[in-house]
Amino acid sequence: TLVGNDKIKDYSYELNSIDVGENEAKIEIISVVNDKGEDVTRFYKFNYIIKKVLITQKELKITFNGAEKVYDGEPLFCEEYLTEGLEYEDKIEILGFPELTEAGEIINDVKFNIVNKQGLIVNDNYKMTIDAKKLSVKKRQITVKPKDESKIYDAKPLAPKECELVSGEMLSTHKFGAWSFFGEVINCGKQNSSIQKI
């Protein structure tokens, strides 16, 4: 018990850990002064009691942004993200992110860890909510038709041998491969034909 108007002036304590869970806290340094401000610490013998403290997980929301584009043969990815609740000395360490090249959609499910300033993984210190947006590659729009063909009547079927691009643009490294059509003519005259599959 402190005497008279003596009071504790300075003290500090330390935790044996700053991570989530039950930890021990104890006073390290303490000083006592009287009502004149004089240090009277030497007149006291201190019994230090170790206190149990509980550190709980902190709420953290991470939003991994999405992206979209028209198919161009190159992989689509997005490393952009937003955080709400991350401690200022902790940071996100990206381990890997998905890529999408073909037309379609996937979730931008980024692999990551949270590390502190010492470089230690502290994922368990956070209760995380992840909002992963989509990566989307749209199909490239093109219009094709059978190439016009003509010949002098020979009692044999006349059918298109090639197809041609009417509108849109293909990649410079791409070309028409196997294809099938509907419509052929034997007798004199015109007949429409259409591409069934490319």
Protein backbone atom coordinates (compact mmCIF):
# COMPACT_ATOMS: atom_id res chain seq x y z
CA THR A 1 0.00 0.00 0.00
CA LEU A 2 1.28 3.45 -0.86
CA VAL A 3 1.92 5.83 2.03
CA GLY A 4 0.12 9.16 2.31
CA ASN A 5 0.05 11.05 -0.96
CA ASP A 6 2.65 8.88 -2.64
CA LYS A 7 1.69 7.75 -6.10
CA ILE A 8 2.99 5.65 -8.93
CA LYS A 9 4.57 7.90 -11.53
CA ASP A 10 6.03 5.67 -14.21
CA TYR A 11 5.66 2.05 -15.10
CA SER A 12 5.87 -0.17 -18.10
CA TYR A 13 4.89 -3.69 -18.81
CA GLU A 14 5.62 -6.26 -21.43
CA LEU A 15 3.71 -9.10 -23.01
CA ASN A 16 5.38 -12.41 -23.64
CA SER A 17 3.63 -12.38 -27.03
CA ILE A 18 1.55 -10.01 -29.17
CA ASP A 19 -0.19 -12.79 -31.09
CA VAL A 20 -3.75 -14.02 -30.67
CA GLY A 21 -4.34 -16.14 -27.58
CA GLU A 22 -3.78 -15.95 -23.81
CA ASN A 23 -0.59 -14.11 -22.92
CA GLU A 24 1.29 -13.05 -19.79
CA ALA A 25 1.80 -9.38 -18.97
CA LYS A 26 4.16 -8.18 -16.25
CA ILE A 27 5.38 -4.82 -14.98
CA GLU A 28 9.00 -4.14 -15.83
CA ILE A 29 9.81 -0.68 -14.45
CA ILE A 30 8.00 1.31 -11.77
CA SER A 31 8.69 4.54 -9.88
CA VAL A 32 6.88 6.21 -6.96
CA VAL A 33 6.91 9.91 -6.04
CA ASN A 34 5.56 11.83 -3.02
CA ASP A 35 3.34 14.95 -3.12
CA LYS A 36 6.48 17.07 -3.66
CA GLY A 37 7.41 15.10 -6.75
CA GLU A 38 10.40 13.50 -5.07
CA ASP A 39 11.30 9.95 -6.03
CA VAL A 40 10.61 7.62 -3.12
CA THR A 41 10.81 4.34 -5.04
CA ARG A 42 13.69 3.12 -2.88
CA PHE A 43 11.42 3.00 0.15
CA TYR A 44 9.19 0.36 -1.37
CA LYS A 45 9.63 -3.31 -2.03
CA PHE A 46 7.50 -4.42 -4.93
CA ASN A 47 5.80 -7.73 -5.49
CA TYR A 48 5.11 -8.10 -9.16
CA ILE A 49 2.02 -10.08 -10.17
CA ILE A 50 1.88 -11.60 -13.62
CA LYS A 51 -1.44 -10.86 -15.29
CA LYS A 52 -3.12 -13.03 -17.91
CA VAL A 53 -4.43 -11.11 -20.92
CA LEU A 54 -6.37 -12.40 -23.89
CA ILE A 55 -5.70 -11.13 -27.41
CA THR A 56 -8.47 -11.88 -29.92
CA GLN A 57 -8.44 -11.89 -33.72
CA LYS A 58 -8.86 -8.58 -35.53
CA GLU A 59 -11.47 -8.22 -38.26
CA LEU A 60 -9.88 -7.83 -41.70
CA LYS A 61 -11.52 -7.50 -45.10
CA ILE A 62 -9.49 -8.00 -48.27
CA THR A 63 -10.94 -7.24 -51.69
CA PHE A 64 -9.05 -8.65 -54.67
CA ASN A 65 -10.07 -6.62 -57.71
CA GLY A 66 -11.19 -8.18 -60.98
CA ALA A 67 -10.49 -7.35 -64.63
CA GLU A 68 -11.85 -8.10 -68.08
CA LYS A 69 -10.80 -7.83 -71.71
CA VAL A 70 -11.49 -9.22 -75.17
CA TYR A 71 -9.49 -12.34 -76.06
CA ASP A 72 -6.05 -11.39 -77.38
CA GLY A 73 -4.00 -14.52 -76.71
CA GLU A 74 -2.27 -12.98 -73.67
CA PRO A 75 -2.96 -13.95 -70.03
CA LEU A 76 -5.25 -11.71 -67.98
CA PHE A 77 -4.41 -11.17 -64.30
CA CYS A 78 -4.93 -8.55 -61.60
CA GLU A 79 -2.74 -7.99 -58.53
CA GLU A 80 -4.71 -5.00 -57.21
CA TYR A 81 -6.36 -5.31 -53.80
CA LEU A 82 -7.85 -3.22 -50.99
CA THR A 83 -7.70 -3.90 -47.25
CA GLU A 84 -9.83 -2.73 -44.33
CA GLY A 85 -8.44 -3.41 -40.86
CA LEU A 86 -4.81 -4.32 -41.60
CA GLU A 87 -2.38 -3.17 -38.90
CA TYR A 88 -0.01 -0.53 -40.28
CA GLU A 89 3.14 -2.59 -39.64
CA ASP A 90 1.68 -5.74 -41.22
CA LYS A 91 1.51 -6.24 -44.97
CA ILE A 92 0.10 -8.55 -47.62
CA GLU A 93 2.65 -10.84 -49.26
CA ILE A 94 1.38 -12.19 -52.60
CA LEU A 95 2.33 -15.82 -53.23
CA GLY A 96 0.53 -16.34 -56.53
CA PHE A 97 -2.42 -15.15 -58.55
CA PRO A 98 -4.57 -16.81 -61.22
CA GLU A 99 -4.27 -16.08 -64.93
CA LEU A 100 -6.89 -16.49 -67.64
CA THR A 101 -6.02 -16.62 -71.35
CA GLU A 102 -8.94 -18.42 -73.03
CA ALA A 103 -12.44 -16.94 -73.18
CA GLY A 104 -14.37 -17.50 -69.94
CA GLU A 105 -14.49 -16.42 -66.30
CA ILE A 106 -12.66 -17.40 -63.11
CA ILE A 107 -12.49 -16.02 -59.57
CA ASN A 108 -9.40 -13.94 -58.80
CA ASP A 109 -8.44 -16.29 -55.97
CA VAL A 110 -5.09 -14.78 -54.99
CA LYS A 111 -2.80 -16.79 -52.71
CA PHE A 112 -1.23 -14.68 -49.97
CA ASN A 113 0.13 -14.42 -46.44
CA ILE A 114 0.05 -11.58 -43.94
CA VAL A 115 3.50 -10.86 -42.51
CA ASN A 116 4.64 -8.52 -39.74
CA LYS A 117 7.66 -6.22 -39.79
CA GLN A 118 9.90 -9.12 -38.73
CA GLY A 119 8.72 -11.08 -41.77
CA LEU A 120 6.77 -13.61 -39.68
CA ILE A 121 3.43 -14.95 -40.94
CA VAL A 122 0.58 -13.64 -38.77
CA ASN A 123 -2.50 -14.90 -40.65
CA ASP A 124 -3.97 -16.36 -37.45
CA ASN A 125 -4.08 -12.92 -35.83
CA TYR A 126 -6.87 -11.88 -38.21
CA LYS A 127 -10.44 -12.97 -38.79
CA MET A 128 -10.51 -12.50 -42.54
CA THR A 129 -13.30 -11.85 -45.00
CA ILE A 130 -12.19 -12.28 -48.61
CA ASP A 131 -14.05 -10.66 -51.51
CA ALA A 132 -12.48 -11.99 -54.71
CA LYS A 133 -13.81 -10.47 -57.93
CA LYS A 134 -13.87 -12.13 -61.36
CA LEU A 135 -11.37 -12.27 -64.21
CA SER A 136 -13.27 -12.33 -67.51
CA VAL A 137 -12.03 -12.82 -71.06
CA LYS A 138 -14.69 -12.06 -73.67
CA LYS A 139 -14.91 -13.92 -76.98
CA ARG A 140 -13.56 -12.03 -79.98
CA GLN A 141 -16.46 -11.20 -82.31
CA ILE A 142 -15.91 -11.99 -86.01
CA THR A 143 -18.22 -12.60 -88.98
CA VAL A 144 -17.29 -15.15 -91.66
CA LYS A 145 -18.91 -16.49 -94.84
CA PRO A 146 -18.11 -19.03 -97.56
CA LYS A 147 -16.05 -17.55 -100.34
CA ASP A 148 -17.99 -17.07 -103.61
CA GLU A 149 -17.34 -19.82 -106.18
CA SER A 150 -18.32 -20.23 -109.84
CA LYS A 151 -17.57 -22.58 -112.73
CA ILE A 152 -18.92 -23.82 -116.04
CA TYR A 153 -21.48 -26.61 -115.71
CA ASP A 154 -19.85 -30.05 -115.51
CA ALA A 155 -22.55 -32.13 -113.73
CA LYS A 156 -20.42 -32.16 -110.56
CA PRO A 157 -21.33 -30.45 -107.29
CA LEU A 158 -19.94 -26.98 -106.72
CA ALA A 159 -19.22 -26.17 -103.13
CA PRO A 160 -17.21 -23.45 -101.38
CA LYS A 161 -13.57 -24.34 -100.84
CA GLU A 162 -12.67 -21.46 -98.57
CA CYS A 163 -14.23 -19.12 -96.04
CA GLU A 164 -13.45 -15.46 -95.62
CA LEU A 165 -13.63 -12.84 -92.88
CA VAL A 166 -16.42 -10.31 -93.34
CA SER A 167 -15.98 -8.23 -90.19
CA GLY A 168 -13.97 -8.20 -87.00
CA GLU A 169 -10.30 -9.06 -86.63
CA MET A 170 -8.45 -12.29 -85.96
CA LEU A 171 -5.10 -12.45 -84.21
CA SER A 172 -2.16 -12.27 -86.57
CA THR A 173 -1.03 -15.74 -85.47
CA HIS A 174 -4.45 -17.33 -86.13
CA LYS A 175 -6.02 -18.65 -89.32
CA PHE A 176 -9.07 -20.67 -90.35
CA GLY A 177 -8.63 -24.38 -89.76
CA ALA A 178 -11.10 -27.19 -90.49
CA TRP A 179 -14.62 -26.05 -91.34
CA SER A 180 -17.88 -27.45 -92.76
CA PHE A 181 -20.68 -25.84 -94.75
CA PHE A 182 -24.27 -26.38 -95.84
CA GLY A 183 -25.37 -25.93 -99.44
CA GLU A 184 -23.96 -27.06 -102.79
CA VAL A 185 -25.17 -26.72 -106.38
CA ILE A 186 -24.96 -28.95 -109.46
CA ASN A 187 -27.28 -27.27 -111.96
CA CYS A 188 -26.82 -23.83 -113.42
CA GLY A 189 -27.88 -21.00 -111.13
CA LYS A 190 -27.11 -19.58 -107.74
CA GLN A 191 -27.57 -21.11 -104.33
CA ASN A 192 -26.73 -19.81 -100.91
CA SER A 193 -24.41 -21.77 -98.72
CA SER A 194 -23.58 -21.20 -95.08
CA ILE A 195 -20.81 -22.23 -92.73
CA GLN A 196 -21.92 -24.75 -90.12
CA LYS A 197 -18.77 -25.10 -88.08
CA ILE A 198 -15.21 -23.76 -88.01
